[in-house]
Amino acid sequence: MFVCSCFGVTEAQVQQHAASGACTPRQIASACKAGTDCGSCVRRIQAILGRGTLPRRDLADRGGLVASSDAELLEEAA
């Protein structure tokens, strides 16, 4: 099923990018452009990513990708 009709990005593609470490809609957009045109798919991307199901701290501890602004917040919290 298509998530982003503007760029023809499927749900499977978004899941593959998430499995590769993308944990925010912005990181998905960097990987495949989904969400960068009309923006109507951003909420669906958030749902696929399961926002809030994996705390970023856990992701960082596992060596996952964390945006630089997130990394700064993690440092401040530590």
N, C-alpha and C. Protein backbone atom coordinates (compact mmCIF):
# COMPACT_ATOMS: atom_id res chain seq x y z
N MET A 1 0.84 -1.17 0.00
CA MET A 1 0.00 0.00 0.00
C MET A 1 0.90 1.25 0.00
N PHE A 2 0.50 2.23 -0.78
CA PHE A 2 1.27 3.47 -0.83
C PHE A 2 1.00 4.31 0.41
N VAL A 3 2.08 4.83 0.97
CA VAL A 3 2.00 5.77 2.08
C VAL A 3 2.06 7.18 1.51
N CYS A 4 2.98 7.38 0.59
CA CYS A 4 3.18 8.68 -0.05
C CYS A 4 2.91 8.56 -1.54
N SER A 5 1.79 9.10 -1.97
CA SER A 5 1.45 9.02 -3.39
C SER A 5 2.24 10.02 -4.22
N CYS A 6 2.75 11.07 -3.60
CA CYS A 6 3.54 12.06 -4.34
C CYS A 6 4.83 11.45 -4.89
N PHE A 7 5.46 10.58 -4.11
CA PHE A 7 6.74 9.97 -4.51
C PHE A 7 6.65 8.46 -4.66
N GLY A 8 5.47 7.88 -4.55
CA GLY A 8 5.29 6.45 -4.73
C GLY A 8 5.99 5.60 -3.69
N VAL A 9 5.99 6.06 -2.44
CA VAL A 9 6.65 5.33 -1.36
C VAL A 9 5.64 4.42 -0.68
N THR A 10 6.02 3.16 -0.54
CA THR A 10 5.11 2.18 0.07
C THR A 10 5.36 2.04 1.57
N GLU A 11 4.39 1.41 2.22
CA GLU A 11 4.53 1.15 3.65
C GLU A 11 5.75 0.25 3.90
N ALA A 12 5.97 -0.71 3.03
CA ALA A 12 7.13 -1.61 3.18
C ALA A 12 8.44 -0.84 3.11
N GLN A 13 8.50 0.15 2.24
CA GLN A 13 9.72 0.96 2.12
C GLN A 13 9.96 1.77 3.40
N VAL A 14 8.90 2.34 3.95
CA VAL A 14 9.03 3.10 5.20
C VAL A 14 9.49 2.17 6.31
N GLN A 15 8.93 0.97 6.37
CA GLN A 15 9.33 0.00 7.39
C GLN A 15 10.79 -0.41 7.22
N GLN A 16 11.26 -0.54 5.97
CA GLN A 16 12.66 -0.88 5.73
C GLN A 16 13.58 0.22 6.22
N HIS A 17 13.22 1.48 5.96
CA HIS A 17 14.03 2.60 6.43
C HIS A 17 14.02 2.66 7.96
N ALA A 18 12.87 2.36 8.56
CA ALA A 18 12.79 2.34 10.02
C ALA A 18 13.67 1.23 10.59
N ALA A 19 13.66 0.08 9.94
CA ALA A 19 14.49 -1.04 10.40
C ALA A 19 15.98 -0.71 10.26
N SER A 20 16.29 0.19 9.32
CA SER A 20 17.68 0.60 9.11
C SER A 20 18.11 1.71 10.06
N GLY A 21 17.17 2.19 10.89
CA GLY A 21 17.53 3.17 11.90
C GLY A 21 16.79 4.49 11.86
N ALA A 22 16.01 4.75 10.83
CA ALA A 22 15.24 6.00 10.78
C ALA A 22 14.15 5.94 11.84
N CYS A 23 14.11 6.92 12.73
CA CYS A 23 13.12 6.87 13.81
C CYS A 23 12.23 8.10 13.86
N THR A 24 12.36 9.00 12.90
CA THR A 24 11.50 10.18 12.84
C THR A 24 11.02 10.37 11.41
N PRO A 25 9.88 11.05 11.23
CA PRO A 25 9.44 11.34 9.87
C PRO A 25 10.48 12.11 9.07
N ARG A 26 11.24 12.97 9.71
CA ARG A 26 12.28 13.73 9.02
C ARG A 26 13.37 12.81 8.47
N GLN A 27 13.73 11.78 9.24
CA GLN A 27 14.73 10.83 8.78
C GLN A 27 14.19 9.96 7.65
N ILE A 28 12.91 9.63 7.71
CA ILE A 28 12.28 8.91 6.60
C ILE A 28 12.29 9.79 5.36
N ALA A 29 11.98 11.07 5.52
CA ALA A 29 11.99 12.01 4.39
C ALA A 29 13.37 12.11 3.77
N SER A 30 14.40 12.12 4.58
CA SER A 30 15.77 12.17 4.06
C SER A 30 16.10 10.93 3.26
N ALA A 31 15.54 9.81 3.66
CA ALA A 31 15.85 8.54 3.01
C ALA A 31 15.09 8.34 1.69
N CYS A 32 13.83 8.81 1.64
CA CYS A 32 13.03 8.49 0.44
C CYS A 32 12.10 9.61 -0.03
N LYS A 33 12.18 10.79 0.55
CA LYS A 33 11.39 11.96 0.20
C LYS A 33 9.93 11.92 0.66
N ALA A 34 9.48 10.81 1.24
CA ALA A 34 8.09 10.74 1.70
C ALA A 34 7.83 11.83 2.73
N GLY A 35 6.75 12.57 2.55
CA GLY A 35 6.38 13.63 3.48
C GLY A 35 6.94 14.99 3.14
N THR A 36 7.67 15.10 2.04
CA THR A 36 8.30 16.39 1.72
C THR A 36 7.55 17.21 0.70
N ASP A 37 6.48 16.67 0.12
CA ASP A 37 5.73 17.45 -0.88
C ASP A 37 4.45 18.01 -0.25
N CYS A 38 3.36 17.29 -0.31
CA CYS A 38 2.10 17.82 0.23
C CYS A 38 1.99 17.62 1.74
N GLY A 39 2.71 16.63 2.30
CA GLY A 39 2.70 16.42 3.73
C GLY A 39 1.54 15.59 4.27
N SER A 40 0.65 15.15 3.40
CA SER A 40 -0.52 14.42 3.90
C SER A 40 -0.16 13.04 4.45
N CYS A 41 1.02 12.54 4.16
CA CYS A 41 1.40 11.21 4.63
C CYS A 41 2.18 11.22 5.94
N VAL A 42 2.48 12.39 6.47
CA VAL A 42 3.33 12.46 7.66
C VAL A 42 2.70 11.74 8.85
N ARG A 43 1.40 11.90 9.05
CA ARG A 43 0.75 11.21 10.18
C ARG A 43 0.80 9.70 10.00
N ARG A 44 0.65 9.23 8.77
CA ARG A 44 0.73 7.79 8.51
C ARG A 44 2.16 7.29 8.78
N ILE A 45 3.15 8.08 8.40
CA ILE A 45 4.55 7.71 8.67
C ILE A 45 4.77 7.64 10.18
N GLN A 46 4.24 8.60 10.92
CA GLN A 46 4.36 8.58 12.38
C GLN A 46 3.73 7.30 12.94
N ALA A 47 2.59 6.91 12.42
CA ALA A 47 1.92 5.70 12.89
C ALA A 47 2.76 4.46 12.59
N ILE A 48 3.35 4.41 11.41
CA ILE A 48 4.19 3.27 11.04
C ILE A 48 5.41 3.20 11.96
N LEU A 49 5.96 4.35 12.27
CA LEU A 49 7.13 4.39 13.14
C LEU A 49 6.78 4.04 14.58
N GLY A 50 5.50 4.09 14.91
CA GLY A 50 5.08 3.78 16.27
C GLY A 50 5.64 4.77 17.26
N ARG A 51 5.46 6.05 16.95
CA ARG A 51 6.01 7.12 17.79
C ARG A 51 5.75 6.83 19.25
N GLY A 52 6.83 6.80 20.03
CA GLY A 52 6.73 6.60 21.46
C GLY A 52 6.88 5.16 21.90
N THR A 53 6.92 4.20 20.96
CA THR A 53 7.02 2.81 21.37
C THR A 53 8.45 2.42 21.74
N LEU A 54 9.44 3.12 21.21
CA LEU A 54 10.84 2.84 21.54
C LEU A 54 11.48 4.15 21.96
N PRO A 55 11.68 4.33 23.26
CA PRO A 55 12.29 5.59 23.71
C PRO A 55 13.62 5.82 23.02
N ARG A 56 13.88 7.06 22.67
CA ARG A 56 15.11 7.38 21.95
C ARG A 56 16.34 7.02 22.75
N ARG A 57 16.23 7.04 24.06
CA ARG A 57 17.37 6.68 24.89
C ARG A 57 17.75 5.22 24.62
N ASP A 58 16.74 4.34 24.55
CA ASP A 58 17.00 2.94 24.25
C ASP A 58 17.60 2.78 22.86
N LEU A 59 17.10 3.53 21.90
CA LEU A 59 17.63 3.48 20.55
C LEU A 59 19.09 3.90 20.53
N ALA A 60 19.41 4.97 21.23
CA ALA A 60 20.79 5.46 21.27
C ALA A 60 21.69 4.43 21.95
N ASP A 61 21.19 3.81 23.01
CA ASP A 61 21.97 2.80 23.72
C ASP A 61 22.26 1.59 22.84
N ARG A 62 21.34 1.30 21.90
CA ARG A 62 21.53 0.18 21.00
C ARG A 62 22.37 0.57 19.78
N GLY A 63 22.81 1.81 19.71
CA GLY A 63 23.62 2.26 18.59
C GLY A 63 22.81 2.72 17.40
N GLY A 64 21.53 3.00 17.59
CA GLY A 64 20.67 3.45 16.50
C GLY A 64 20.93 4.90 16.15
N LEU A 65 20.36 5.31 15.03
CA LEU A 65 20.49 6.69 14.58
C LEU A 65 19.68 7.61 15.47
N VAL A 66 20.26 8.71 15.87
CA VAL A 66 19.56 9.72 16.65
C VAL A 66 19.95 11.06 16.05
N ALA A 67 18.95 11.89 15.75
CA ALA A 67 19.24 13.21 15.18
C ALA A 67 20.09 14.01 16.15
N SER A 68 20.88 14.92 15.62
CA SER A 68 21.81 15.67 16.48
C SER A 68 21.07 16.43 17.58
N SER A 69 19.93 17.01 17.28
CA SER A 69 19.19 17.72 18.32
C SER A 69 18.72 16.76 19.41
N ASP A 70 18.34 15.53 19.02
CA ASP A 70 17.95 14.53 19.99
C ASP A 70 19.14 14.12 20.84
N ALA A 71 20.31 14.00 20.23
CA ALA A 71 21.51 13.60 20.96
C ALA A 71 21.85 14.65 22.02
N GLU A 72 21.68 15.92 21.66
CA GLU A 72 21.93 16.98 22.63
C GLU A 72 20.97 16.89 23.80
N LEU A 73 19.71 16.59 23.53
CA LEU A 73 18.72 16.44 24.61
C LEU A 73 19.07 15.26 25.49
N LEU A 74 19.55 14.17 24.89
CA LEU A 74 19.92 13.01 25.67
C LEU A 74 21.10 13.32 26.59
N GLU A 75 22.04 14.09 26.08
CA GLU A 75 23.20 14.46 26.90
C GLU A 75 22.77 15.31 28.09
N GLU A 76 21.83 16.24 27.83
CA GLU A 76 21.37 17.10 28.91
C GLU A 76 20.62 16.30 29.97
N ALA A 77 19.88 15.27 29.54
CA ALA A 77 19.09 14.46 30.47
C ALA A 77 19.98 13.54 31.30
N ALA A 78 21.13 13.19 30.78
CA ALA A 78 22.01 12.22 31.48
C ALA A 78 22.71 12.82 32.68
